[in-house]
């Protein structure tokens, strides 16, 4: 297993943990439990950002840019409509 594969696994694990912590915070019944999940989520988001940044610097993770026309269409589709 090379460094890139290890980093990809770590990044995917961090993303999964973020998802679990977010749902834990959303579903929690008490403020203390919600705060514990929110704290864990913020910590994990920081780890995910660091992993992503390192992978991007090494050229191992390069997100694609969405075409400008597609971006405009999505904005128009999801923009709140104003009566007028």
Protein backbone atom coordinates (compact mmCIF):
# COMPACT_ATOMS: atom_id res chain seq x y z
CA UNK A 1 0.00 0.00 0.00
CA UNK A 2 1.53 3.32 -1.05
CA UNK A 3 1.24 6.75 0.59
CA UNK A 4 -1.46 7.93 -1.80
CA UNK A 5 -3.70 4.95 -1.02
CA UNK A 6 -3.17 5.44 2.71
CA UNK A 7 -4.12 9.13 2.42
CA UNK A 8 -7.20 8.26 0.34
CA UNK A 9 -8.29 5.77 3.01
CA UNK A 10 -7.72 8.31 5.77
CA UNK A 11 -9.68 10.97 3.87
CA UNK A 12 -12.59 8.59 3.24
CA UNK A 13 -12.59 7.57 6.89
CA UNK A 14 -12.63 11.22 7.97
CA UNK A 15 -15.55 11.93 5.63
CA UNK A 16 -17.46 8.97 7.07
CA UNK A 17 -16.77 10.10 10.62
CA UNK A 18 -18.00 13.62 9.76
CA UNK A 19 -21.23 12.12 8.45
CA UNK A 20 -21.74 10.06 11.62
CA UNK A 21 -20.99 12.98 13.95
CA UNK A 22 -23.30 15.30 12.01
CA UNK A 23 -26.16 12.82 12.22
CA UNK A 24 -25.43 12.24 15.88
CA UNK A 25 -25.72 15.98 16.53
CA UNK A 26 -28.93 16.25 14.52
CA UNK A 27 -30.56 13.29 16.27
CA UNK A 28 -29.38 13.97 19.81
CA UNK A 29 -32.01 14.64 22.47
CA UNK A 30 -30.02 16.66 24.96
CA UNK A 31 -27.80 19.73 24.67
CA UNK A 32 -24.82 17.94 26.25
CA UNK A 33 -24.93 15.08 23.77
CA UNK A 34 -25.48 17.48 20.86
CA UNK A 35 -22.47 19.54 21.98
CA UNK A 36 -20.30 16.43 22.26
CA UNK A 37 -21.16 15.42 18.69
CA UNK A 38 -20.67 19.00 17.44
CA UNK A 39 -17.25 19.20 19.09
CA UNK A 40 -16.24 15.85 17.57
CA UNK A 41 -17.55 17.00 14.16
CA UNK A 42 -15.51 20.21 14.26
CA UNK A 43 -12.38 18.30 15.20
CA UNK A 44 -12.95 15.78 12.41
CA UNK A 45 -13.64 18.55 9.88
CA UNK A 46 -10.24 20.01 10.74
CA UNK A 47 -8.60 16.64 10.17
CA UNK A 48 -10.44 16.21 6.87
CA UNK A 49 -9.33 19.66 5.72
CA UNK A 50 -5.70 18.91 6.55
CA UNK A 51 -5.79 15.57 4.73
CA UNK A 52 -7.43 17.17 1.70
CA UNK A 53 -4.88 20.00 1.65
CA UNK A 54 -1.94 17.62 1.82
CA UNK A 55 -3.36 15.45 -0.94
CA UNK A 56 -4.08 18.46 -3.12
CA UNK A 57 -0.51 19.79 -2.64
CA UNK A 58 0.85 16.43 -3.79
CA UNK A 59 -1.47 16.41 -6.81
CA UNK A 60 -3.39 13.39 -5.52
CA UNK A 61 -6.74 15.13 -5.18
CA UNK A 62 -7.78 17.61 -7.82
CA UNK A 63 -11.47 18.48 -7.85
CA UNK A 64 -12.93 19.27 -11.25
CA UNK A 65 -14.31 22.71 -11.96
CA UNK A 66 -17.98 22.71 -12.91
CA UNK A 67 -18.72 24.36 -16.26
CA UNK A 68 -19.89 27.98 -15.80
CA UNK A 69 -23.15 27.34 -17.66
CA UNK A 70 -23.99 24.41 -15.40
CA UNK A 71 -23.28 26.54 -12.33
CA UNK A 72 -25.61 29.29 -13.57
CA UNK A 73 -28.37 26.79 -14.33
CA UNK A 74 -28.15 25.30 -10.84
CA UNK A 75 -28.24 28.74 -9.24
CA UNK A 76 -31.34 29.67 -11.24
CA UNK A 77 -33.03 26.36 -10.49
CA UNK A 78 -32.48 26.57 -6.74
CA UNK A 79 -32.76 30.33 -6.22
CA UNK A 80 -35.76 31.32 -4.13
CA UNK A 81 -38.47 32.71 -6.34
CA UNK A 82 -39.69 36.19 -5.50
CA UNK A 83 -43.20 37.24 -6.45
CA UNK A 84 -43.02 40.37 -8.39
